[in-house]
Amino acid sequence: MTEYIIIVAVIALAALTVFGLFGDTIRAKMNGIIAAFGGEATGTQGEQVDPGSSKDGLKNLNQDGSGAP
């Protein structure tokens, strides 16, 4: 039982580390996808994201998560 608790703790720590390092990038990508589908997404600083065209937005997601060409 102790081994399973240690494994779960290590996995949780690894997940927290990954989300800590890449959290802004993941958030920006998800906001770009949400905006492409016509939702009301906000950027990493709380600003509104321009949704643009759904198909083009998903095909052209930039590194910052925006769908701008």
N, C-alpha and C. Protein backbone atom coordinates (compact mmCIF):
# COMPACT_ATOMS: atom_id res chain seq x y z
N MET A 1 0.83 -1.19 0.00
CA MET A 1 0.00 0.00 0.00
C MET A 1 0.87 1.26 0.00
N THR A 2 1.94 1.23 0.75
CA THR A 2 2.84 2.38 0.83
C THR A 2 3.47 2.68 -0.52
N GLU A 3 3.79 1.64 -1.26
CA GLU A 3 4.40 1.84 -2.58
C GLU A 3 3.45 2.56 -3.51
N TYR A 4 2.16 2.23 -3.47
CA TYR A 4 1.17 2.89 -4.32
C TYR A 4 1.02 4.36 -3.96
N ILE A 5 1.06 4.65 -2.68
CA ILE A 5 0.97 6.05 -2.24
C ILE A 5 2.18 6.84 -2.74
N ILE A 6 3.35 6.23 -2.69
CA ILE A 6 4.56 6.90 -3.19
C ILE A 6 4.46 7.12 -4.70
N ILE A 7 3.97 6.13 -5.43
CA ILE A 7 3.83 6.26 -6.88
C ILE A 7 2.84 7.38 -7.21
N VAL A 8 1.71 7.42 -6.53
CA VAL A 8 0.72 8.47 -6.77
C VAL A 8 1.30 9.84 -6.45
N ALA A 9 2.07 9.94 -5.37
CA ALA A 9 2.69 11.21 -5.00
C ALA A 9 3.71 11.67 -6.05
N VAL A 10 4.50 10.74 -6.57
CA VAL A 10 5.48 11.08 -7.60
C VAL A 10 4.78 11.54 -8.88
N ILE A 11 3.72 10.85 -9.28
CA ILE A 11 2.98 11.24 -10.48
C ILE A 11 2.34 12.61 -10.28
N ALA A 12 1.77 12.86 -9.12
CA ALA A 12 1.16 14.16 -8.84
C ALA A 12 2.21 15.27 -8.87
N LEU A 13 3.36 15.01 -8.31
CA LEU A 13 4.44 16.01 -8.32
C LEU A 13 4.91 16.28 -9.75
N ALA A 14 5.02 15.23 -10.55
CA ALA A 14 5.43 15.40 -11.95
C ALA A 14 4.39 16.20 -12.72
N ALA A 15 3.11 15.93 -12.50
CA ALA A 15 2.05 16.67 -13.18
C ALA A 15 2.07 18.13 -12.78
N LEU A 16 2.24 18.41 -11.50
CA LEU A 16 2.31 19.80 -11.04
C LEU A 16 3.51 20.53 -11.64
N THR A 17 4.62 19.84 -11.76
CA THR A 17 5.82 20.44 -12.35
C THR A 17 5.59 20.76 -13.82
N VAL A 18 5.01 19.82 -14.55
CA VAL A 18 4.76 20.05 -15.98
C VAL A 18 3.78 21.20 -16.17
N PHE A 19 2.70 21.23 -15.41
CA PHE A 19 1.74 22.32 -15.54
C PHE A 19 2.33 23.64 -15.08
N GLY A 20 3.24 23.60 -14.13
CA GLY A 20 3.91 24.82 -13.70
C GLY A 20 4.82 25.39 -14.77
N LEU A 21 5.52 24.50 -15.47
CA LEU A 21 6.44 24.94 -16.51
C LEU A 21 5.72 25.35 -17.79
N PHE A 22 4.70 24.60 -18.17
CA PHE A 22 4.03 24.82 -19.45
C PHE A 22 2.60 25.34 -19.31
N GLY A 23 2.22 25.79 -18.13
CA GLY A 23 0.85 26.22 -17.88
C GLY A 23 0.38 27.34 -18.79
N ASP A 24 1.23 28.36 -18.98
CA ASP A 24 0.83 29.48 -19.84
C ASP A 24 0.67 29.04 -21.28
N THR A 25 1.54 28.18 -21.76
CA THR A 25 1.45 27.68 -23.13
C THR A 25 0.19 26.84 -23.31
N ILE A 26 -0.09 25.96 -22.36
CA ILE A 26 -1.28 25.12 -22.43
C ILE A 26 -2.53 25.99 -22.40
N ARG A 27 -2.57 26.99 -21.51
CA ARG A 27 -3.71 27.89 -21.40
C ARG A 27 -3.92 28.67 -22.70
N ALA A 28 -2.83 29.15 -23.30
CA ALA A 28 -2.93 29.91 -24.55
C ALA A 28 -3.46 29.03 -25.68
N LYS A 29 -2.97 27.80 -25.78
CA LYS A 29 -3.45 26.88 -26.81
C LYS A 29 -4.93 26.57 -26.63
N MET A 30 -5.33 26.28 -25.40
CA MET A 30 -6.74 25.96 -25.14
C MET A 30 -7.63 27.16 -25.43
N ASN A 31 -7.18 28.37 -25.08
CA ASN A 31 -7.96 29.57 -25.37
C ASN A 31 -8.09 29.78 -26.87
N GLY A 32 -7.04 29.49 -27.63
CA GLY A 32 -7.10 29.60 -29.08
C GLY A 32 -8.10 28.62 -29.67
N ILE A 33 -8.12 27.40 -29.15
CA ILE A 33 -9.06 26.38 -29.63
C ILE A 33 -10.49 26.78 -29.27
N ILE A 34 -10.70 27.24 -28.05
CA ILE A 34 -12.04 27.66 -27.63
C ILE A 34 -12.52 28.83 -28.48
N ALA A 35 -11.64 29.78 -28.73
CA ALA A 35 -12.01 30.93 -29.55
C ALA A 35 -12.32 30.50 -30.98
N ALA A 36 -11.60 29.51 -31.50
CA ALA A 36 -11.84 29.02 -32.86
C ALA A 36 -13.22 28.38 -32.98
N PHE A 37 -13.70 27.79 -31.91
CA PHE A 37 -15.02 27.18 -31.93
C PHE A 37 -16.12 28.19 -31.60
N GLY A 38 -15.76 29.44 -31.41
CA GLY A 38 -16.75 30.48 -31.19
C GLY A 38 -17.08 30.74 -29.74
N GLY A 39 -16.32 30.19 -28.82
CA GLY A 39 -16.56 30.44 -27.40
C GLY A 39 -15.95 31.76 -26.98
N GLU A 40 -16.19 32.13 -25.75
CA GLU A 40 -15.62 33.37 -25.22
C GLU A 40 -14.40 33.03 -24.38
N ALA A 41 -13.26 32.97 -25.02
CA ALA A 41 -12.02 32.65 -24.32
C ALA A 41 -11.30 33.94 -23.97
N THR A 42 -10.52 33.87 -22.92
CA THR A 42 -9.68 35.00 -22.55
C THR A 42 -8.23 34.58 -22.65
N GLY A 43 -7.37 35.53 -22.90
CA GLY A 43 -5.95 35.24 -23.01
C GLY A 43 -5.33 35.02 -21.65
N THR A 44 -4.01 34.89 -21.63
CA THR A 44 -3.33 34.61 -20.38
C THR A 44 -3.41 35.78 -19.41
N GLN A 45 -3.62 36.99 -19.93
CA GLN A 45 -3.72 38.17 -19.08
C GLN A 45 -5.17 38.61 -18.90
N GLY A 46 -6.16 37.82 -19.34
CA GLY A 46 -7.56 38.13 -19.15
C GLY A 46 -8.17 38.90 -20.31
N GLU A 47 -7.40 39.20 -21.36
CA GLU A 47 -7.95 39.93 -22.49
C GLU A 47 -8.78 39.00 -23.37
N GLN A 48 -9.74 39.57 -24.09
CA GLN A 48 -10.58 38.78 -24.99
C GLN A 48 -9.77 38.32 -26.19
N VAL A 49 -10.03 37.12 -26.65
CA VAL A 49 -9.35 36.54 -27.81
C VAL A 49 -10.29 36.63 -28.99
N ASP A 50 -9.77 37.09 -30.14
CA ASP A 50 -10.56 37.18 -31.35
C ASP A 50 -10.78 35.79 -31.92
N PRO A 51 -12.04 35.33 -32.06
CA PRO A 51 -12.28 33.96 -32.48
C PRO A 51 -11.90 33.67 -33.93
N GLY A 52 -12.11 34.58 -34.86
CA GLY A 52 -11.76 34.35 -36.26
C GLY A 52 -12.59 33.23 -36.85
N SER A 53 -12.09 32.58 -37.86
CA SER A 53 -12.77 31.48 -38.54
C SER A 53 -12.46 30.17 -37.84
N SER A 54 -13.46 29.33 -37.66
CA SER A 54 -13.26 28.07 -36.93
C SER A 54 -12.26 27.15 -37.61
N LYS A 55 -12.47 26.86 -38.89
CA LYS A 55 -11.59 25.92 -39.57
C LYS A 55 -10.18 26.49 -39.70
N ASP A 56 -10.07 27.74 -40.13
CA ASP A 56 -8.76 28.35 -40.30
C ASP A 56 -8.06 28.54 -38.95
N GLY A 57 -8.83 28.84 -37.93
CA GLY A 57 -8.25 29.04 -36.60
C GLY A 57 -7.61 27.79 -36.06
N LEU A 58 -8.26 26.65 -36.25
CA LEU A 58 -7.68 25.39 -35.76
C LEU A 58 -6.47 24.98 -36.57
N LYS A 59 -6.47 25.25 -37.87
CA LYS A 59 -5.35 24.87 -38.71
C LYS A 59 -4.14 25.76 -38.48
N ASN A 60 -4.37 27.01 -38.05
CA ASN A 60 -3.29 27.99 -37.99
C ASN A 60 -3.00 28.48 -36.59
N LEU A 61 -3.14 27.63 -35.58
CA LEU A 61 -2.83 28.07 -34.23
C LEU A 61 -1.35 28.38 -34.12
N ASN A 62 -1.05 29.59 -33.68
CA ASN A 62 0.34 30.00 -33.49
C ASN A 62 0.86 29.47 -32.16
N GLN A 63 2.12 29.68 -31.91
CA GLN A 63 2.72 29.20 -30.67
C GLN A 63 2.08 29.88 -29.46
N ASP A 64 1.62 31.14 -29.62
CA ASP A 64 1.01 31.83 -28.49
C ASP A 64 -0.45 31.46 -28.30
N GLY A 65 -0.99 30.57 -29.16
CA GLY A 65 -2.37 30.11 -29.00
C GLY A 65 -3.36 30.91 -29.79
N SER A 66 -2.95 31.97 -30.44
CA SER A 66 -3.88 32.76 -31.23
C SER A 66 -4.08 32.11 -32.58
N GLY A 67 -5.24 32.33 -33.17
CA GLY A 67 -5.54 31.75 -34.46
C GLY A 67 -5.27 32.72 -35.60
N ALA A 68 -4.59 33.81 -35.35
CA ALA A 68 -4.32 34.81 -36.38
C ALA A 68 -3.36 34.27 -37.41
N PRO A 69 -3.58 34.60 -38.69
CA PRO A 69 -2.66 34.10 -39.73
C PRO A 69 -1.29 34.72 -39.66
